[in-house]
């Protein structure tokens, strides 16, 4: 299977979050979760002092750009390229160029793989995040996203939720 790489997509300025939402929706609709792994709009915290008052806010690191971790093929290229608000991939001509690990490091996106001691069917306890202190059985694992899907009870129904490997612990 081909390996996923990070690519940079140019968007209309101010459309970064809309493009991310549109691509995420298309991934879900076309079941491309295993080919387009992650879509990001890199943000950074900026502290401003105005009239003697400190204010911290999040700003886009690269206005007009979105990062996508994906396996490049005709289908994924077409989906991303034809998303409303996307003007094209960054690279010479129409050939997208993946970012190197050295280029990704300053963005805080790690390529580390988390080794886990659990698998599908195991019962896990959630130790962090929104679902902390919840117990569930692993329905599926996504090693690319480093996450598990467990069923939790929500409004009296079993509902699947995706949780990071680092936020779960195997129950004995």
N, C-alpha and C. Protein backbone atom coordinates (compact mmCIF):
# COMPACT_ATOMS: atom_id res chain seq x y z
N UNK A 1 0.84 -1.18 0.00
CA UNK A 1 0.00 0.00 0.00
C UNK A 1 0.88 1.25 0.00
N UNK A 2 0.47 2.26 -0.73
CA UNK A 2 1.24 3.50 -0.81
C UNK A 2 1.26 4.20 0.55
N UNK A 3 2.28 5.01 0.74
CA UNK A 3 2.46 5.72 2.01
C UNK A 3 1.84 7.11 1.94
N UNK A 4 1.27 7.52 3.06
CA UNK A 4 0.66 8.85 3.13
C UNK A 4 1.73 9.91 3.39
N UNK A 5 1.59 11.06 2.76
CA UNK A 5 2.49 12.19 2.96
C UNK A 5 1.67 13.44 3.19
N UNK A 6 2.31 14.47 3.73
CA UNK A 6 1.66 15.76 3.92
C UNK A 6 1.83 16.60 2.67
N UNK A 7 0.74 17.19 2.21
CA UNK A 7 0.74 18.08 1.05
C UNK A 7 0.15 19.43 1.46
N UNK A 8 0.54 20.47 0.73
CA UNK A 8 0.02 21.81 1.01
C UNK A 8 -0.94 22.17 -0.12
N UNK A 9 -2.12 22.67 0.27
CA UNK A 9 -3.14 23.07 -0.69
C UNK A 9 -3.35 24.56 -0.54
N UNK A 10 -3.36 25.27 -1.66
CA UNK A 10 -3.61 26.71 -1.65
C UNK A 10 -5.11 26.94 -1.73
N UNK A 11 -5.62 27.88 -0.90
CA UNK A 11 -7.05 28.18 -0.88
C UNK A 11 -7.25 29.67 -1.04
N UNK A 12 -8.49 30.06 -1.28
CA UNK A 12 -8.82 31.48 -1.22
C UNK A 12 -8.58 31.93 0.21
N UNK A 13 -8.06 33.13 0.38
CA UNK A 13 -7.79 33.65 1.72
C UNK A 13 -9.09 33.75 2.51
N UNK A 14 -9.05 33.25 3.75
CA UNK A 14 -10.24 33.28 4.60
C UNK A 14 -11.12 32.05 4.44
N UNK A 15 -10.81 31.18 3.49
CA UNK A 15 -11.62 29.98 3.23
C UNK A 15 -11.01 28.72 3.82
N UNK A 16 -9.91 28.86 4.59
CA UNK A 16 -9.18 27.69 5.07
C UNK A 16 -10.08 26.73 5.86
N UNK A 17 -10.84 27.26 6.82
CA UNK A 17 -11.69 26.39 7.64
C UNK A 17 -12.85 25.80 6.84
N UNK A 18 -13.37 26.58 5.89
CA UNK A 18 -14.44 26.06 5.02
C UNK A 18 -13.92 24.92 4.16
N UNK A 19 -12.71 25.09 3.61
CA UNK A 19 -12.10 24.04 2.78
C UNK A 19 -11.88 22.79 3.63
N UNK A 20 -11.36 22.95 4.86
CA UNK A 20 -11.16 21.81 5.75
C UNK A 20 -12.47 21.08 6.00
N UNK A 21 -13.53 21.83 6.30
CA UNK A 21 -14.84 21.23 6.56
C UNK A 21 -15.37 20.51 5.33
N UNK A 22 -15.23 21.13 4.15
CA UNK A 22 -15.71 20.51 2.90
C UNK A 22 -14.95 19.22 2.59
N UNK A 23 -13.63 19.23 2.77
CA UNK A 23 -12.84 18.02 2.50
C UNK A 23 -13.20 16.93 3.51
N UNK A 24 -13.34 17.30 4.79
CA UNK A 24 -13.73 16.32 5.81
C UNK A 24 -15.07 15.67 5.47
N UNK A 25 -16.03 16.48 5.00
CA UNK A 25 -17.35 15.98 4.62
C UNK A 25 -17.24 15.02 3.42
N UNK A 26 -16.43 15.40 2.43
CA UNK A 26 -16.25 14.56 1.25
C UNK A 26 -15.59 13.23 1.62
N UNK A 27 -14.60 13.28 2.53
CA UNK A 27 -13.94 12.05 2.99
C UNK A 27 -14.98 11.11 3.58
N UNK A 28 -15.86 11.67 4.41
CA UNK A 28 -16.90 10.87 5.05
C UNK A 28 -17.88 10.31 4.02
N UNK A 29 -18.33 11.15 3.09
CA UNK A 29 -19.31 10.73 2.09
C UNK A 29 -18.77 9.68 1.13
N UNK A 30 -17.51 9.83 0.72
CA UNK A 30 -16.92 8.90 -0.25
C UNK A 30 -16.12 7.79 0.39
N UNK A 31 -16.13 7.72 1.73
CA UNK A 31 -15.41 6.69 2.48
C UNK A 31 -13.93 6.64 2.11
N UNK A 32 -13.28 7.79 2.16
CA UNK A 32 -11.85 7.89 1.82
C UNK A 32 -10.98 8.01 3.08
N UNK A 33 -11.51 7.59 4.24
CA UNK A 33 -10.79 7.73 5.50
C UNK A 33 -9.42 7.08 5.48
N UNK A 34 -9.28 5.99 4.72
CA UNK A 34 -7.99 5.29 4.67
C UNK A 34 -7.03 5.92 3.66
N UNK A 35 -7.50 6.87 2.84
CA UNK A 35 -6.63 7.50 1.85
C UNK A 35 -6.31 8.96 2.20
N UNK A 36 -7.29 9.70 2.71
CA UNK A 36 -7.05 11.06 3.18
C UNK A 36 -7.16 10.99 4.69
N UNK A 37 -6.00 10.98 5.36
CA UNK A 37 -5.94 10.69 6.78
C UNK A 37 -6.32 11.89 7.63
N UNK A 38 -5.78 13.07 7.29
CA UNK A 38 -6.00 14.25 8.14
C UNK A 38 -5.93 15.53 7.34
N UNK A 39 -6.76 16.49 7.72
CA UNK A 39 -6.77 17.82 7.11
C UNK A 39 -6.56 18.82 8.24
N UNK A 40 -5.58 19.72 8.08
CA UNK A 40 -5.26 20.67 9.15
C UNK A 40 -5.11 22.09 8.65
N UNK A 41 -5.56 23.02 9.49
CA UNK A 41 -5.28 24.44 9.30
C UNK A 41 -4.37 24.79 10.47
N UNK A 42 -3.03 24.85 10.26
CA UNK A 42 -2.11 25.09 11.38
C UNK A 42 -2.37 26.44 12.05
N UNK A 43 -2.49 26.40 13.39
CA UNK A 43 -2.75 27.60 14.17
C UNK A 43 -1.61 27.81 15.16
N UNK A 44 -1.42 29.06 15.58
CA UNK A 44 -0.45 29.36 16.62
C UNK A 44 -1.04 30.38 17.58
N UNK A 45 -0.67 30.28 18.85
CA UNK A 45 -1.14 31.24 19.85
C UNK A 45 -0.27 32.48 19.78
N UNK A 46 -0.92 33.64 19.68
CA UNK A 46 -0.23 34.91 19.60
C UNK A 46 -0.70 35.78 20.76
N UNK A 47 0.25 36.37 21.48
CA UNK A 47 -0.09 37.27 22.58
C UNK A 47 0.12 38.70 22.10
N UNK A 48 -0.93 39.49 22.23
CA UNK A 48 -0.86 40.88 21.83
C UNK A 48 -1.08 41.75 23.06
N UNK A 49 -0.37 42.90 23.10
CA UNK A 49 -0.60 43.86 24.18
C UNK A 49 -1.18 45.10 23.53
N UNK A 50 -2.41 45.42 23.89
CA UNK A 50 -3.11 46.56 23.33
C UNK A 50 -3.67 47.39 24.47
N UNK A 51 -3.31 48.65 24.55
CA UNK A 51 -3.75 49.54 25.62
C UNK A 51 -3.42 48.96 27.00
N UNK A 52 -2.26 48.29 27.11
CA UNK A 52 -1.82 47.74 28.38
C UNK A 52 -2.49 46.44 28.77
N UNK A 53 -3.31 45.89 27.91
CA UNK A 53 -4.02 44.64 28.22
C UNK A 53 -3.46 43.51 27.35
N UNK A 54 -3.05 42.41 28.02
CA UNK A 54 -2.55 41.24 27.30
C UNK A 54 -3.72 40.41 26.80
N UNK A 55 -3.63 40.03 25.54
CA UNK A 55 -4.69 39.21 24.97
C UNK A 55 -4.05 38.11 24.13
N UNK A 56 -4.41 36.86 24.41
CA UNK A 56 -3.88 35.74 23.65
C UNK A 56 -4.97 35.24 22.71
N UNK A 57 -4.58 35.07 21.45
CA UNK A 57 -5.55 34.57 20.47
C UNK A 57 -4.85 33.59 19.53
N UNK A 58 -5.65 32.78 18.86
CA UNK A 58 -5.12 31.83 17.88
C UNK A 58 -5.19 32.46 16.50
N UNK A 59 -4.08 32.38 15.79
CA UNK A 59 -4.03 32.91 14.42
C UNK A 59 -3.53 31.81 13.50
N UNK A 60 -3.94 31.88 12.24
CA UNK A 60 -3.47 30.90 11.26
C UNK A 60 -1.99 31.11 10.99
N UNK A 61 -1.23 30.00 11.00
CA UNK A 61 0.20 30.09 10.70
C UNK A 61 0.43 30.48 9.25
N UNK A 62 -0.38 29.91 8.36
CA UNK A 62 -0.22 30.13 6.93
C UNK A 62 -1.56 30.50 6.31
N UNK A 63 -1.94 31.77 6.38
CA UNK A 63 -3.22 32.16 5.77
C UNK A 63 -3.23 31.80 4.28
N UNK A 64 -4.33 31.19 3.84
CA UNK A 64 -4.44 30.81 2.44
C UNK A 64 -3.95 29.41 2.14
N UNK A 65 -3.55 28.65 3.18
CA UNK A 65 -3.05 27.29 2.96
C UNK A 65 -3.66 26.31 3.95
N UNK A 66 -3.81 25.05 3.49
CA UNK A 66 -4.31 23.95 4.31
C UNK A 66 -3.36 22.78 4.11
N UNK A 67 -3.05 22.05 5.19
CA UNK A 67 -2.19 20.88 5.10
C UNK A 67 -3.05 19.62 5.07
N UNK A 68 -2.69 18.69 4.19
CA UNK A 68 -3.46 17.45 4.08
C UNK A 68 -2.51 16.26 4.09
N UNK A 69 -2.77 15.30 5.02
CA UNK A 69 -2.00 14.06 5.08
C UNK A 69 -2.80 13.03 4.30
N UNK A 70 -2.26 12.62 3.14
CA UNK A 70 -3.02 11.74 2.26
C UNK A 70 -2.12 10.86 1.41
N UNK A 71 -2.73 9.81 0.88
CA UNK A 71 -2.07 8.96 -0.11
C UNK A 71 -2.45 9.55 -1.46
N UNK A 72 -1.46 10.01 -2.21
CA UNK A 72 -1.72 10.68 -3.48
C UNK A 72 -2.05 9.65 -4.55
N UNK A 73 -3.25 9.76 -5.10
CA UNK A 73 -3.64 8.98 -6.27
C UNK A 73 -4.66 9.82 -7.05
N UNK A 74 -5.14 9.31 -8.17
CA UNK A 74 -6.05 10.10 -9.01
C UNK A 74 -7.32 10.50 -8.26
N UNK A 75 -7.89 9.57 -7.47
CA UNK A 75 -9.13 9.86 -6.74
C UNK A 75 -8.94 10.96 -5.70
N UNK A 76 -7.89 10.81 -4.85
CA UNK A 76 -7.69 11.80 -3.79
C UNK A 76 -7.30 13.16 -4.38
N UNK A 77 -6.49 13.15 -5.43
CA UNK A 77 -6.11 14.41 -6.09
C UNK A 77 -7.36 15.12 -6.60
N UNK A 78 -8.24 14.35 -7.26
CA UNK A 78 -9.46 14.91 -7.82
C UNK A 78 -10.37 15.50 -6.73
N UNK A 79 -10.55 14.74 -5.64
CA UNK A 79 -11.42 15.19 -4.55
C UNK A 79 -10.92 16.51 -3.97
N UNK A 80 -9.63 16.58 -3.67
CA UNK A 80 -9.07 17.79 -3.06
C UNK A 80 -9.08 18.94 -4.05
N UNK A 81 -8.62 18.68 -5.25
CA UNK A 81 -8.48 19.73 -6.27
C UNK A 81 -9.83 20.35 -6.64
N UNK A 82 -10.89 19.56 -6.58
CA UNK A 82 -12.21 20.05 -6.98
C UNK A 82 -13.09 20.44 -5.79
N UNK A 83 -12.48 20.67 -4.64
CA UNK A 83 -13.20 21.16 -3.48
C UNK A 83 -13.37 22.67 -3.63
N UNK A 84 -14.57 23.16 -3.35
CA UNK A 84 -14.84 24.60 -3.46
C UNK A 84 -13.89 25.38 -2.54
N UNK A 85 -13.22 26.39 -3.09
CA UNK A 85 -12.29 27.21 -2.31
C UNK A 85 -10.84 26.84 -2.52
N UNK A 86 -10.57 25.65 -3.09
CA UNK A 86 -9.19 25.21 -3.35
C UNK A 86 -8.76 25.75 -4.71
N UNK A 87 -7.57 26.39 -4.73
CA UNK A 87 -7.05 26.88 -6.01
C UNK A 87 -6.01 25.94 -6.59
N UNK A 88 -5.46 25.04 -5.77
CA UNK A 88 -4.53 24.04 -6.28
C UNK A 88 -3.56 23.56 -5.22
N UNK A 89 -2.77 22.56 -5.59
CA UNK A 89 -1.73 22.05 -4.72
C UNK A 89 -0.49 22.91 -4.88
N UNK A 90 0.35 22.95 -3.85
CA UNK A 90 1.61 23.67 -3.96
C UNK A 90 2.62 22.72 -4.58
N UNK A 91 3.23 23.15 -5.67
CA UNK A 91 4.21 22.34 -6.38
C UNK A 91 4.31 22.83 -7.81
N UNK A 92 5.35 22.39 -8.53
CA UNK A 92 5.53 22.85 -9.90
C UNK A 92 4.44 22.30 -10.83
N UNK A 93 3.85 23.17 -11.62
CA UNK A 93 2.81 22.74 -12.55
C UNK A 93 1.65 22.15 -11.80
N UNK A 94 1.21 20.96 -12.24
CA UNK A 94 0.07 20.32 -11.57
C UNK A 94 0.53 19.14 -10.73
N UNK A 95 1.86 19.07 -10.45
CA UNK A 95 2.39 17.95 -9.68
C UNK A 95 2.62 18.34 -8.22
N UNK A 96 1.77 17.84 -7.30
CA UNK A 96 1.94 18.16 -5.89
C UNK A 96 3.24 17.58 -5.33
N UNK A 97 3.92 18.35 -4.48
CA UNK A 97 5.16 17.90 -3.86
C UNK A 97 4.92 17.71 -2.36
N UNK A 98 5.20 16.50 -1.84
CA UNK A 98 4.97 16.28 -0.40
C UNK A 98 6.00 17.03 0.44
N UNK A 99 5.59 17.41 1.67
CA UNK A 99 6.50 18.05 2.60
C UNK A 99 7.45 17.00 3.19
N UNK A 100 8.67 17.41 3.49
CA UNK A 100 9.64 16.50 4.11
C UNK A 100 9.43 16.50 5.62
N UNK A 101 10.01 15.51 6.30
CA UNK A 101 9.91 15.45 7.77
C UNK A 101 10.52 16.70 8.39
N UNK A 102 11.61 17.21 7.81
CA UNK A 102 12.27 18.41 8.33
C UNK A 102 11.33 19.62 8.23
N UNK A 103 10.53 19.68 7.18
CA UNK A 103 9.57 20.78 7.02
C UNK A 103 8.39 20.63 7.98
N UNK A 104 8.05 19.41 8.36
CA UNK A 104 6.90 19.17 9.22
C UNK A 104 7.24 19.39 10.71
N UNK A 105 8.51 19.17 11.10
CA UNK A 105 8.90 19.27 12.51
C UNK A 105 8.54 20.60 13.16
N UNK A 106 8.85 21.76 12.53
CA UNK A 106 8.51 23.03 13.19
C UNK A 106 7.00 23.25 13.35
N UNK A 107 6.19 22.50 12.62
CA UNK A 107 4.74 22.67 12.70
C UNK A 107 4.15 21.88 13.86
N UNK A 108 5.00 21.11 14.54
CA UNK A 108 4.52 20.36 15.70
C UNK A 108 3.76 19.10 15.32
N UNK A 109 3.88 18.67 14.08
CA UNK A 109 3.21 17.45 13.63
C UNK A 109 4.23 16.33 13.69
N UNK A 110 4.00 15.39 14.59
CA UNK A 110 4.97 14.33 14.83
C UNK A 110 4.66 13.11 13.96
N UNK A 111 5.73 12.44 13.56
CA UNK A 111 5.57 11.22 12.79
C UNK A 111 5.77 9.99 13.67
N UNK A 112 5.80 10.21 15.01
CA UNK A 112 6.02 9.11 15.93
C UNK A 112 4.84 8.14 15.89
N UNK A 113 5.16 6.87 15.95
CA UNK A 113 4.11 5.86 16.03
C UNK A 113 3.99 5.43 17.48
N UNK A 114 2.78 5.41 17.99
CA UNK A 114 2.53 4.98 19.35
C UNK A 114 2.31 3.47 19.32
N UNK A 115 3.07 2.74 20.14
CA UNK A 115 2.91 1.29 20.24
C UNK A 115 1.88 1.03 21.33
N UNK A 116 0.86 0.23 21.00
CA UNK A 116 -0.23 -0.02 21.94
C UNK A 116 -0.30 -1.50 22.32
N UNK A 117 -0.85 -1.75 23.51
CA UNK A 117 -0.97 -3.12 24.00
C UNK A 117 -2.42 -3.60 23.98
N UNK A 118 -3.22 -3.00 23.10
CA UNK A 118 -4.62 -3.40 22.99
C UNK A 118 -5.00 -3.57 21.53
N UNK A 119 -6.13 -4.21 21.28
CA UNK A 119 -6.59 -4.43 19.92
C UNK A 119 -8.10 -4.46 19.87
N UNK A 120 -8.64 -4.72 18.68
CA UNK A 120 -10.09 -4.77 18.51
C UNK A 120 -10.68 -5.84 19.43
N UNK A 121 -11.80 -5.50 20.08
CA UNK A 121 -12.46 -6.42 20.98
C UNK A 121 -12.03 -6.26 22.43
N UNK A 122 -10.91 -5.55 22.69
CA UNK A 122 -10.44 -5.33 24.05
C UNK A 122 -11.27 -4.23 24.72
N UNK A 123 -11.41 -4.35 26.04
CA UNK A 123 -12.11 -3.32 26.81
C UNK A 123 -11.07 -2.31 27.28
N UNK A 124 -11.36 -1.02 27.05
CA UNK A 124 -10.42 0.04 27.43
C UNK A 124 -11.13 1.09 28.27
N UNK A 125 -10.34 1.78 29.08
CA UNK A 125 -10.83 2.92 29.86
C UNK A 125 -10.25 4.17 29.23
N UNK A 126 -11.06 5.21 29.08
CA UNK A 126 -10.59 6.46 28.52
C UNK A 126 -9.98 7.27 29.67
N UNK A 127 -8.69 7.69 29.48
CA UNK A 127 -7.97 8.37 30.57
C UNK A 127 -7.75 9.85 30.28
N UNK A 128 -8.26 10.34 29.15
CA UNK A 128 -8.09 11.75 28.84
C UNK A 128 -9.12 12.21 27.83
N UNK A 129 -9.25 13.53 27.71
CA UNK A 129 -10.16 14.09 26.72
C UNK A 129 -11.59 14.18 27.23
N UNK A 130 -12.51 14.42 26.29
CA UNK A 130 -13.92 14.63 26.61
C UNK A 130 -14.56 13.40 27.25
N UNK A 131 -14.16 12.22 26.82
CA UNK A 131 -14.79 10.98 27.28
C UNK A 131 -14.06 10.36 28.45
N UNK A 132 -13.25 11.14 29.19
CA UNK A 132 -12.49 10.63 30.33
C UNK A 132 -13.40 9.87 31.29
N UNK A 133 -12.88 8.76 31.84
CA UNK A 133 -13.58 7.90 32.80
C UNK A 133 -14.69 7.06 32.15
N UNK A 134 -14.70 7.00 30.82
CA UNK A 134 -15.66 6.15 30.11
C UNK A 134 -14.98 4.82 29.81
N UNK A 135 -15.74 3.74 29.83
CA UNK A 135 -15.23 2.42 29.50
C UNK A 135 -15.95 1.94 28.25
N UNK A 136 -15.19 1.32 27.34
CA UNK A 136 -15.81 0.82 26.12
C UNK A 136 -15.00 -0.29 25.49
N UNK A 137 -15.61 -0.96 24.52
CA UNK A 137 -14.95 -2.04 23.78
C UNK A 137 -14.50 -1.48 22.43
N UNK A 138 -13.25 -1.75 22.06
CA UNK A 138 -12.70 -1.24 20.80
C UNK A 138 -13.40 -1.92 19.63
N UNK A 139 -14.04 -1.12 18.77
CA UNK A 139 -14.71 -1.63 17.58
C UNK A 139 -13.75 -1.67 16.39
N UNK A 140 -12.89 -0.61 16.28
CA UNK A 140 -11.92 -0.57 15.19
C UNK A 140 -10.73 0.28 15.60
N UNK A 141 -9.62 0.08 14.89
CA UNK A 141 -8.39 0.84 15.15
C UNK A 141 -7.91 1.45 13.84
N UNK A 142 -7.46 2.68 13.91
CA UNK A 142 -6.90 3.35 12.74
C UNK A 142 -5.46 3.71 13.09
N UNK A 143 -4.50 2.92 12.58
CA UNK A 143 -3.10 3.14 12.91
C UNK A 143 -2.55 4.39 12.24
N UNK A 144 -3.10 4.79 11.10
CA UNK A 144 -2.65 6.03 10.45
C UNK A 144 -2.97 7.25 11.31
N UNK A 145 -4.21 7.29 11.83
CA UNK A 145 -4.63 8.41 12.67
C UNK A 145 -4.24 8.19 14.13
N UNK A 146 -3.77 6.98 14.46
CA UNK A 146 -3.43 6.57 15.82
C UNK A 146 -4.62 6.79 16.75
N UNK A 147 -5.74 6.18 16.34
CA UNK A 147 -6.96 6.31 17.14
C UNK A 147 -7.73 5.00 17.15
N UNK A 148 -8.62 4.90 18.14
CA UNK A 148 -9.51 3.75 18.24
C UNK A 148 -10.95 4.26 18.21
N UNK A 149 -11.85 3.41 17.77
CA UNK A 149 -13.28 3.74 17.82
C UNK A 149 -13.91 2.80 18.84
N UNK A 150 -14.56 3.41 19.84
CA UNK A 150 -15.26 2.61 20.85
C UNK A 150 -16.71 3.06 20.87
N UNK A 151 -17.59 2.19 21.36
CA UNK A 151 -18.99 2.56 21.53
C UNK A 151 -19.19 3.05 22.95
N UNK A 152 -19.82 4.22 23.07
CA UNK A 152 -20.16 4.75 24.39
C UNK A 152 -21.67 4.96 24.43
N UNK A 153 -22.23 4.95 25.63
CA UNK A 153 -23.66 5.16 25.75
C UNK A 153 -23.94 6.66 25.78
N UNK A 154 -24.73 7.13 24.84
CA UNK A 154 -25.06 8.54 24.73
C UNK A 154 -26.55 8.64 24.47
N UNK A 155 -27.27 9.30 25.36
CA UNK A 155 -28.72 9.43 25.25
C UNK A 155 -29.41 8.08 25.14
N UNK A 156 -28.89 7.10 25.89
CA UNK A 156 -29.51 5.79 25.93
C UNK A 156 -29.20 4.91 24.73
N UNK A 157 -28.26 5.34 23.88
CA UNK A 157 -27.89 4.56 22.69
C UNK A 157 -26.39 4.34 22.63
N UNK A 158 -26.00 3.25 22.01
CA UNK A 158 -24.59 3.00 21.75
C UNK A 158 -24.17 3.89 20.59
N UNK A 159 -23.15 4.72 20.81
CA UNK A 159 -22.69 5.65 19.78
C UNK A 159 -21.18 5.49 19.61
N UNK A 160 -20.71 5.31 18.36
CA UNK A 160 -19.26 5.18 18.15
C UNK A 160 -18.55 6.53 18.29
N UNK A 161 -17.42 6.55 19.02
CA UNK A 161 -16.60 7.75 19.14
C UNK A 161 -15.15 7.39 18.87
N UNK A 162 -14.42 8.34 18.26
CA UNK A 162 -13.02 8.12 17.92
C UNK A 162 -12.15 8.78 18.99
N UNK A 163 -11.20 8.02 19.52
CA UNK A 163 -10.35 8.51 20.61
C UNK A 163 -8.90 8.17 20.29
N UNK A 164 -8.01 9.10 20.61
CA UNK A 164 -6.57 8.92 20.38
C UNK A 164 -6.01 7.76 21.19
N UNK A 165 -4.99 7.07 20.62
CA UNK A 165 -4.33 5.98 21.34
C UNK A 165 -3.85 6.44 22.71
N UNK A 166 -3.36 7.67 22.81
CA UNK A 166 -2.78 8.17 24.05
C UNK A 166 -3.83 8.45 25.13
N UNK A 167 -5.11 8.46 24.75
CA UNK A 167 -6.17 8.74 25.71
C UNK A 167 -6.90 7.51 26.21
N UNK A 168 -6.39 6.29 25.85
CA UNK A 168 -7.04 5.08 26.33
C UNK A 168 -6.03 4.15 27.00
N UNK A 169 -6.56 3.31 27.91
CA UNK A 169 -5.74 2.36 28.63
C UNK A 169 -6.48 1.04 28.69
N UNK A 170 -5.77 -0.05 28.45
CA UNK A 170 -6.39 -1.38 28.46
C UNK A 170 -6.82 -1.76 29.87
N UNK A 171 -8.02 -2.31 29.96
CA UNK A 171 -8.55 -2.79 31.26
C UNK A 171 -8.08 -4.22 31.45
N UNK A 172 -7.86 -4.60 32.70
CA UNK A 172 -7.44 -5.99 32.98
C UNK A 172 -8.63 -6.90 33.15
